[in-house]
Amino acid sequence: MLKLYSIKDTKGGFYPPEAAENDALAVRTIRGVVNSGKGLLAQYPEDFELWYVGEFDNQTGIIAPGEMRCIIRLNALVDHVQDA
């Protein structure tokens, strides 16, 4: 069973969901995107949130909605480099 996650644009709506094994792996994937310096998520992380939206059974193909919850706001994932 995989968990489904969606990026929510707070100025728009939800993006199509993607699957991950758990919250930590979903966050790690999005952290890489946010810190890539490319695309809207990297340019405006304060406008986006990562949401848990359901589950996907990869044995049966059934998608089941879950109790939606915000995992993290993407601006919390920005890596800050401190000058020495």
PDB file of N, CA and C in Angstrom:
ATOM      1  N   MET A   1       0.842  -1.175   0.000  1.00  0.00           N
ATOM      2  CA  MET A   1       0.000   0.000   0.000  1.00  0.00           C
ATOM      3  C   MET A   1       0.891   1.243   0.000  1.00  0.00           C
ATOM      4  N   LEU A   2       0.667   2.108  -0.957  1.00  0.00           N
ATOM      5  CA  LEU A   2       1.401   3.362  -1.043  1.00  0.00           C
ATOM      6  C   LEU A   2       0.506   4.512  -0.612  1.00  0.00           C
ATOM      7  N   LYS A   3       1.095   5.533  -0.061  1.00  0.00           N
ATOM      8  CA  LYS A   3       0.355   6.717   0.334  1.00  0.00           C
ATOM      9  C   LYS A   3       0.388   7.712  -0.819  1.00  0.00           C
ATOM     10  N   LEU A   4      -0.686   8.483  -0.960  1.00  0.00           N
ATOM     11  CA  LEU A   4      -0.776   9.483  -2.010  1.00  0.00           C
ATOM     12  C   LEU A   4      -0.638  10.878  -1.423  1.00  0.00           C
ATOM     13  N   TYR A   5       0.160  11.691  -2.088  1.00  0.00           N
ATOM     14  CA  TYR A   5       0.434  13.051  -1.641  1.00  0.00           C
ATOM     15  C   TYR A   5       0.174  14.016  -2.784  1.00  0.00           C
ATOM     16  N   SER A   6      -0.283  15.211  -2.443  1.00  0.00           N
ATOM     17  CA  SER A   6      -0.543  16.236  -3.433  1.00  0.00           C
ATOM     18  C   SER A   6       0.037  17.559  -2.950  1.00  0.00           C
ATOM     19  N   ILE A   7       0.572  18.309  -3.882  1.00  0.00           N
ATOM     20  CA  ILE A   7       1.022  19.664  -3.584  1.00  0.00           C
ATOM     21  C   ILE A   7      -0.192  20.582  -3.720  1.00  0.00           C
ATOM     22  N   LYS A   8      -0.404  21.413  -2.707  1.00  0.00           N
ATOM     23  CA  LYS A   8      -1.487  22.391  -2.769  1.00  0.00           C
ATOM     24  C   LYS A   8      -0.883  23.770  -3.010  1.00  0.00           C
ATOM     25  N   ASP A   9      -1.335  24.403  -4.080  1.00  0.00           N
ATOM     26  CA  ASP A   9      -0.984  25.781  -4.357  1.00  0.00           C
ATOM     27  C   ASP A   9      -1.999  26.636  -3.614  1.00  0.00           C
ATOM     28  N   THR A  10      -1.575  27.360  -2.614  1.00  0.00           N
ATOM     29  CA  THR A  10      -2.510  28.127  -1.787  1.00  0.00           C
ATOM     30  C   THR A  10      -3.169  29.261  -2.564  1.00  0.00           C
ATOM     31  N   LYS A  11      -2.656  29.556  -3.754  1.00  0.00           N
ATOM     32  CA  LYS A  11      -3.263  30.577  -4.603  1.00  0.00           C
ATOM     33  C   LYS A  11      -4.041  29.954  -5.751  1.00  0.00           C
ATOM     34  N   GLY A  12      -4.145  28.639  -5.742  1.00  0.00           N
ATOM     35  CA  GLY A  12      -4.837  27.936  -6.819  1.00  0.00           C
ATOM     36  C   GLY A  12      -5.580  26.735  -6.279  1.00  0.00           C
ATOM     37  N   GLY A  13      -5.005  25.568  -6.461  1.00  0.00           N
ATOM     38  CA  GLY A  13      -5.632  24.332  -6.011  1.00  0.00           C
ATOM     39  C   GLY A  13      -4.609  23.229  -5.886  1.00  0.00           C
ATOM     40  N   PHE A  14      -5.084  22.000  -5.915  1.00  0.00           N
ATOM     41  CA  PHE A  14      -4.225  20.836  -5.729  1.00  0.00           C
ATOM     42  C   PHE A  14      -3.664  20.338  -7.053  1.00  0.00           C
ATOM     43  N   TYR A  15      -2.408  19.915  -7.017  1.00  0.00           N
ATOM     44  CA  TYR A  15      -1.774  19.256  -8.161  1.00  0.00           C
ATOM     45  C   TYR A  15      -2.166  17.781  -8.132  1.00  0.00           C
ATOM     46  N   PRO A  16      -2.035  17.070  -9.264  1.00  0.00           N
ATOM     47  CA  PRO A  16      -2.303  15.629  -9.259  1.00  0.00           C
ATOM     48  C   PRO A  16      -1.409  14.918  -8.244  1.00  0.00           C
ATOM     49  N   PRO A  17      -1.939  13.894  -7.586  1.00  0.00           N
ATOM     50  CA  PRO A  17      -1.168  13.217  -6.533  1.00  0.00           C
ATOM     51  C   PRO A  17      -0.028  12.355  -7.069  1.00  0.00           C
ATOM     52  N   GLU A  18       0.939  12.136  -6.182  1.00  0.00           N
ATOM     53  CA  GLU A  18       2.044  11.212  -6.441  1.00  0.00           C
ATOM     54  C   GLU A  18       2.160  10.283  -5.255  1.00  0.00           C
ATOM     55  N   ALA A  19       2.719   9.111  -5.485  1.00  0.00           N
ATOM     56  CA  ALA A  19       2.802   8.088  -4.447  1.00  0.00           C
ATOM     57  C   ALA A  19       4.170   8.059  -3.781  1.00  0.00           C
ATOM     58  N   ALA A  20       4.162   7.718  -2.488  1.00  0.00           N
ATOM     59  CA  ALA A  20       5.386   7.491  -1.717  1.00  0.00           C
ATOM     60  C   ALA A  20       5.058   6.483  -0.624  1.00  0.00           C
ATOM     61  N   GLU A  21       6.075   5.849  -0.082  1.00  0.00           N
ATOM     62  CA  GLU A  21       5.862   4.836   0.950  1.00  0.00           C
ATOM     63  C   GLU A  21       5.436   5.426   2.282  1.00  0.00           C
ATOM     64  N   ASN A  22       5.898   6.656   2.576  1.00  0.00           N
ATOM     65  CA  ASN A  22       5.552   7.279   3.857  1.00  0.00           C
ATOM     66  C   ASN A  22       5.802   8.783   3.784  1.00  0.00           C
ATOM     67  N   ASP A  23       5.405   9.495   4.849  1.00  0.00           N
ATOM     68  CA  ASP A  23       5.554  10.949   4.898  1.00  0.00           C
ATOM     69  C   ASP A  23       7.005  11.376   4.733  1.00  0.00           C
ATOM     70  N   ALA A  24       7.918  10.690   5.405  1.00  0.00           N
ATOM     71  CA  ALA A  24       9.329  11.085   5.376  1.00  0.00           C
ATOM     72  C   ALA A  24       9.900  11.031   3.960  1.00  0.00           C
ATOM     73  N   LEU A  25       9.551  10.010   3.202  1.00  0.00           N
ATOM     74  CA  LEU A  25      10.051   9.908   1.828  1.00  0.00           C
ATOM     75  C   LEU A  25       9.422  10.960   0.929  1.00  0.00           C
ATOM     76  N   ALA A  26       8.153  11.246   1.149  1.00  0.00           N
ATOM     77  CA  ALA A  26       7.488  12.298   0.373  1.00  0.00           C
ATOM     78  C   ALA A  26       8.140  13.653   0.642  1.00  0.00           C
ATOM     79  N   VAL A  27       8.413  13.936   1.905  1.00  0.00           N
ATOM     80  CA  VAL A  27       9.049  15.203   2.282  1.00  0.00           C
ATOM     81  C   VAL A  27      10.446  15.291   1.682  1.00  0.00           C
ATOM     82  N   ARG A  28      11.209  14.210   1.732  1.00  0.00           N
ATOM     83  CA  ARG A  28      12.569  14.212   1.184  1.00  0.00           C
ATOM     84  C   ARG A  28      12.554  14.512  -0.315  1.00  0.00           C
ATOM     85  N   THR A  29      11.620  13.922  -1.028  1.00  0.00           N
ATOM     86  CA  THR A  29      11.514  14.161  -2.464  1.00  0.00           C
ATOM     87  C   THR A  29      11.206  15.625  -2.751  1.00  0.00           C
ATOM     88  N   ILE A  30      10.237  16.172  -2.029  1.00  0.00           N
ATOM     89  CA  ILE A  30       9.851  17.567  -2.245  1.00  0.00           C
ATOM     90  C   ILE A  30      10.957  18.521  -1.814  1.00  0.00           C
ATOM     91  N   ARG A  31      11.694  18.173  -0.756  1.00  0.00           N
ATOM     92  CA  ARG A  31      12.827  19.013  -0.315  1.00  0.00           C
ATOM     93  C   ARG A  31      13.812  19.190  -1.470  1.00  0.00           C
ATOM     94  N   GLY A  32      14.086  18.113  -2.191  1.00  0.00           N
ATOM     95  CA  GLY A  32      15.000  18.198  -3.325  1.00  0.00           C
ATOM     96  C   GLY A  32      14.496  19.126  -4.407  1.00  0.00           C
ATOM     97  N   VAL A  33      13.209  19.091  -4.679  1.00  0.00           N
ATOM     98  CA  VAL A  33      12.607  19.959  -5.695  1.00  0.00           C
ATOM     99  C   VAL A  33      12.679  21.420  -5.241  1.00  0.00           C
ATOM    100  N   VAL A  34      12.305  21.666  -3.997  1.00  0.00           N
ATOM    101  CA  VAL A  34      12.300  23.036  -3.465  1.00  0.00           C
ATOM    102  C   VAL A  34      13.698  23.645  -3.506  1.00  0.00           C
ATOM    103  N   ASN A  35      14.715  22.854  -3.257  1.00  0.00           N
ATOM    104  CA  ASN A  35      16.083  23.365  -3.200  1.00  0.00           C
ATOM    105  C   ASN A  35      16.839  23.248  -4.523  1.00  0.00           C
ATOM    106  N   SER A  36      16.151  22.836  -5.566  1.00  0.00           N
ATOM    107  CA  SER A  36      16.788  22.711  -6.879  1.00  0.00           C
ATOM    108  C   SER A  36      17.034  24.064  -7.538  1.00  0.00           C
ATOM    109  N   GLY A  37      16.283  25.075  -7.114  1.00  0.00           N
ATOM    110  CA  GLY A  37      16.411  26.392  -7.727  1.00  0.00           C
ATOM    111  C   GLY A  37      15.625  26.530  -9.017  1.00  0.00           C
ATOM    112  N   LYS A  38      14.872  25.490  -9.381  1.00  0.00           N
ATOM    113  CA  LYS A  38      14.137  25.497 -10.650  1.00  0.00           C
ATOM    114  C   LYS A  38      12.645  25.294 -10.410  1.00  0.00           C
ATOM    115  N   GLY A  39      11.826  26.012 -11.150  1.00  0.00           N
ATOM    116  CA  GLY A  39      10.382  25.810 -11.110  1.00  0.00           C
ATOM    117  C   GLY A  39       9.684  26.631 -10.028  1.00  0.00           C
ATOM    118  N   LEU A  40       8.368  26.591 -10.070  1.00  0.00           N
ATOM    119  CA  LEU A  40       7.544  27.376  -9.153  1.00  0.00           C
ATOM    120  C   LEU A  40       7.732  26.990  -7.698  1.00  0.00           C
ATOM    121  N   LEU A  41       7.881  25.695  -7.409  1.00  0.00           N
ATOM    122  CA  LEU A  41       8.044  25.270  -6.022  1.00  0.00           C
ATOM    123  C   LEU A  41       9.315  25.850  -5.414  1.00  0.00           C
ATOM    124  N   ALA A  42      10.352  25.976  -6.208  1.00  0.00           N
ATOM    125  CA  ALA A  42      11.612  26.545  -5.728  1.00  0.00           C
ATOM    126  C   ALA A  42      11.545  28.070  -5.659  1.00  0.00           C
ATOM    127  N   GLN A  43      10.833  28.677  -6.590  1.00  0.00           N
ATOM    128  CA  GLN A  43      10.765  30.134  -6.635  1.00  0.00           C
ATOM    129  C   GLN A  43       9.815  30.715  -5.587  1.00  0.00           C
ATOM    130  N   TYR A  44       8.719  30.010  -5.312  1.00  0.00           N
ATOM    131  CA  TYR A  44       7.689  30.521  -4.400  1.00  0.00           C
ATOM    132  C   TYR A  44       7.263  29.465  -3.380  1.00  0.00           C
ATOM    133  N   PRO A  45       8.205  28.918  -2.608  1.00  0.00           N
ATOM    134  CA  PRO A  45       7.834  27.832  -1.691  1.00  0.00           C
ATOM    135  C   PRO A  45       6.795  28.247  -0.651  1.00  0.00           C
ATOM    136  N   GLU A  46       6.708  29.538  -0.357  1.00  0.00           N
ATOM    137  CA  GLU A  46       5.721  30.011   0.619  1.00  0.00           C
ATOM    138  C   GLU A  46       4.282  29.849   0.132  1.00  0.00           C
ATOM    139  N   ASP A  47       4.104  29.605  -1.167  1.00  0.00           N
ATOM    140  CA  ASP A  47       2.767  29.445  -1.739  1.00  0.00           C
ATOM    141  C   ASP A  47       2.295  27.995  -1.804  1.00  0.00           C
ATOM    142  N   PHE A  48       3.111  27.038  -1.323  1.00  0.00           N
ATOM    143  CA  PHE A  48       2.792  25.628  -1.506  1.00  0.00           C
ATOM    144  C   PHE A  48       2.861  24.827  -0.210  1.00  0.00           C
ATOM    145  N   GLU A  49       2.048  23.763  -0.169  1.00  0.00           N
ATOM    146  CA  GLU A  49       2.007  22.833   0.964  1.00  0.00           C
ATOM    147  C   GLU A  49       1.966  21.410   0.431  1.00  0.00           C
ATOM    148  N   LEU A  50       2.503  20.474   1.193  1.00  0.00           N
ATOM    149  CA  LEU A  50       2.432  19.051   0.867  1.00  0.00           C
ATOM    150  C   LEU A  50       1.308  18.434   1.693  1.00  0.00           C
ATOM    151  N   TRP A  51       0.357  17.766   1.028  1.00  0.00           N
ATOM    152  CA  TRP A  51      -0.799  17.167   1.690  1.00  0.00           C
ATOM    153  C   TRP A  51      -0.855  15.663   1.465  1.00  0.00           C
ATOM    154  N   TYR A  52      -1.222  14.931   2.518  1.00  0.00           N
ATOM    155  CA  TYR A  52      -1.582  13.514   2.396  1.00  0.00           C
ATOM    156  C   TYR A  52      -3.036  13.489   1.943  1.00  0.00           C
ATOM    157  N   VAL A  53      -3.342  12.710   0.890  1.00  0.00           N
ATOM    158  CA  VAL A  53      -4.711  12.706   0.360  1.00  0.00           C
ATOM    159  C   VAL A  53      -5.357  11.323   0.279  1.00  0.00           C
ATOM    160  N   GLY A  54      -4.586  10.242   0.437  1.00  0.00           N
ATOM    161  CA  GLY A  54      -5.191   8.922   0.342  1.00  0.00           C
ATOM    162  C   GLY A  54      -4.159   7.825   0.183  1.00  0.00           C
ATOM    163  N   GLU A  55      -4.647   6.666  -0.286  1.00  0.00           N
ATOM    164  CA  GLU A  55      -3.770   5.507  -0.454  1.00  0.00           C
ATOM    165  C   GLU A  55      -4.036   4.814  -1.782  1.00  0.00           C
ATOM    166  N   PHE A  56      -3.002   4.149  -2.274  1.00  0.00           N
ATOM    167  CA  PHE A  56      -3.086   3.387  -3.510  1.00  0.00           C
ATOM    168  C   PHE A  56      -2.613   1.973  -3.223  1.00  0.00           C
ATOM    169  N   ASP A  57      -3.478   1.015  -3.476  1.00  0.00           N
ATOM    170  CA  ASP A  57      -3.115  -0.394  -3.305  1.00  0.00           C
ATOM    171  C   ASP A  57      -2.494  -0.870  -4.610  1.00  0.00           C
ATOM    172  N   ASN A  58      -1.179  -1.045  -4.613  1.00  0.00           N
ATOM    173  CA  ASN A  58      -0.494  -1.420  -5.848  1.00  0.00           C
ATOM    174  C   ASN A  58      -0.696  -2.887  -6.221  1.00  0.00           C
ATOM    175  N   GLN A  59      -1.416  -3.649  -5.416  1.00  0.00           N
ATOM    176  CA  GLN A  59      -1.778  -5.030  -5.769  1.00  0.00           C
ATOM    177  C   GLN A  59      -3.123  -5.087  -6.495  1.00  0.00           C
ATOM    178  N   THR A  60      -4.069  -4.253  -6.055  1.00  0.00           N
ATOM    179  CA  THR A  60      -5.415  -4.273  -6.638  1.00  0.00           C
ATOM    180  C   THR A  60      -5.693  -3.097  -7.566  1.00  0.00           C
ATOM    181  N   GLY A  61      -4.882  -2.042  -7.457  1.00  0.00           N
ATOM    182  CA  GLY A  61      -5.107  -0.845  -8.258  1.00  0.00           C
ATOM    183  C   GLY A  61      -6.158   0.085  -7.685  1.00  0.00           C
ATOM    184  N   ILE A  62      -6.641  -0.209  -6.493  1.00  0.00           N
ATOM    185  CA  ILE A  62      -7.698   0.595  -5.879  1.00  0.00           C
ATOM    186  C   ILE A  62      -7.101   1.818  -5.178  1.00  0.00           C
ATOM    187  N   ILE A  63      -7.722   2.958  -5.440  1.00  0.00           N
ATOM    188  CA  ILE A  63      -7.347   4.202  -4.777  1.00  0.00           C
ATOM    189  C   ILE A  63      -8.403   4.494  -3.727  1.00  0.00           C
ATOM    190  N   ALA A  64      -7.964   4.722  -2.494  1.00  0.00           N
ATOM    191  CA  ALA A  64      -8.891   5.005  -1.394  1.00  0.00           C
ATOM    192  C   ALA A  64      -8.576   6.379  -0.819  1.00  0.00           C
ATOM    193  N   PRO A  65      -9.587   7.240  -0.705  1.00  0.00           N
ATOM    194  CA  PRO A  65      -9.325   8.537  -0.080  1.00  0.00           C
ATOM    195  C   PRO A  65      -8.962   8.358   1.384  1.00  0.00           C
ATOM    196  N   GLY A  66      -8.160   9.255   1.871  1.00  0.00           N
ATOM    197  CA  GLY A  66      -7.785   9.236   3.285  1.00  0.00           C
ATOM    198  C   GLY A  66      -8.253  10.513   3.941  1.00  0.00           C
ATOM    199  N   GLU A  67      -8.040  10.594   5.240  1.00  0.00           N
ATOM    200  CA  GLU A  67      -8.357  11.837   5.940  1.00  0.00           C
ATOM    201  C   GLU A  67      -7.255  12.840   5.594  1.00  0.00           C
ATOM    202  N   MET A  68      -7.591  13.806   4.774  1.00  0.00           N
ATOM    203  CA  MET A  68      -6.593  14.750   4.276  1.00  0.00           C
ATOM    204  C   MET A  68      -5.962  15.526   5.425  1.00  0.00           C
ATOM    205  N   ARG A  69      -4.632  15.712   5.294  1.00  0.00           N
ATOM    206  CA  ARG A  69      -3.916  16.493   6.299  1.00  0.00           C
ATOM    207  C   ARG A  69      -2.694  17.131   5.650  1.00  0.00           C
ATOM    208  N   CYS A  70      -2.392  18.332   6.108  1.00  0.00           N
ATOM    209  CA  CYS A  70      -1.205  19.033   5.630  1.00  0.00           C
ATOM    210  C   CYS A  70       0.014  18.431   6.324  1.00  0.00           C
ATOM    211  N   ILE A  71       0.988  17.996   5.540  1.00  0.00           N
ATOM    212  CA  ILE A  71       2.219  17.418   6.070  1.00  0.00           C
ATOM    213  C   ILE A  71       3.200  18.534   6.429  1.00  0.00           C
ATOM    214  N   ILE A  72       3.405  19.463   5.494  1.00  0.00           N
ATOM    215  CA  ILE A  72       4.383  20.531   5.726  1.00  0.00           C
ATOM    216  C   ILE A  72       4.175  21.648   4.709  1.00  0.00           C
ATOM    217  N   ARG A  73       4.484  22.858   5.124  1.00  0.00           N
ATOM    218  CA  ARG A  73       4.532  23.991   4.194  1.00  0.00           C
ATOM    219  C   ARG A  73       5.909  23.979   3.558  1.00  0.00           C
ATOM    220  N   LEU A  74       5.949  24.175   2.254  1.00  0.00           N
ATOM    221  CA  LEU A  74       7.206  23.991   1.539  1.00  0.00           C
ATOM    222  C   LEU A  74       8.282  24.999   1.909  1.00  0.00           C
ATOM    223  N   ASN A  75       7.915  26.185   2.393  1.00  0.00           N
ATOM    224  CA  ASN A  75       8.959  27.139   2.782  1.00  0.00           C
ATOM    225  C   ASN A  75       9.772  26.623   3.983  1.00  0.00           C
ATOM    226  N   ALA A  76       9.241  25.664   4.726  1.00  0.00           N
ATOM    227  CA  ALA A  76       9.990  25.058   5.839  1.00  0.00           C
ATOM    228  C   ALA A  76      11.082  24.115   5.331  1.00  0.00           C
ATOM    229  N   LEU A  77      11.062  23.797   4.044  1.00  0.00           N
ATOM    230  CA  LEU A  77      12.039  22.870   3.470  1.00  0.00           C
ATOM    231  C   LEU A  77      13.223  23.557   2.799  1.00  0.00           C
ATOM    232  N   VAL A  78      13.181  24.877   2.762  1.00  0.00           N
ATOM    233  CA  VAL A  78      14.269  25.615   2.113  1.00  0.00           C
ATOM    234  C   VAL A  78      15.537  25.494   2.952  1.00  0.00           C
ATOM    235  N   ASP A  79      16.596  25.019   2.311  1.00  0.00           N
ATOM    236  CA  ASP A  79      17.890  24.916   2.997  1.00  0.00           C
ATOM    237  C   ASP A  79      18.547  26.291   2.993  1.00  0.00           C
ATOM    238  N   HIS A  80      18.921  26.758   4.160  1.00  0.00           N
ATOM    239  CA  HIS A  80      19.581  28.056   4.284  1.00  0.00           C
ATOM    240  C   HIS A  80      21.070  27.833   4.498  1.00  0.00           C
ATOM    241  N   VAL A  81      21.863  28.470   3.683  1.00  0.00           N
ATOM    242  CA  VAL A  81      23.310  28.377   3.803  1.00  0.00           C
ATOM    243  C   VAL A  81      23.778  29.574   4.630  1.00  0.00           C
ATOM    244  N   GLN A  82      24.479  29.279   5.701  1.00  0.00           N
ATOM    245  CA  GLN A  82      24.983  30.351   6.557  1.00  0.00           C
ATOM    246  C   GLN A  82      26.423  30.678   6.191  1.00  0.00           C
ATOM    247  N   ASP A  83      26.712  31.965   6.130  1.00  0.00           N
ATOM    248  CA  ASP A  83      28.081  32.397   5.860  1.00  0.00           C
ATOM    249  C   ASP A  83      28.945  32.173   7.093  1.00  0.00           C
ATOM    250  N   ALA A  84      30.169  31.760   6.866  1.00  0.00           N
ATOM    251  CA  ALA A  84      31.098  31.503   7.979  1.00  0.00           C
ATOM    252  C   ALA A  84      31.717  32.798   8.474  1.00  0.00           C
TER     253      ALA A  84
END
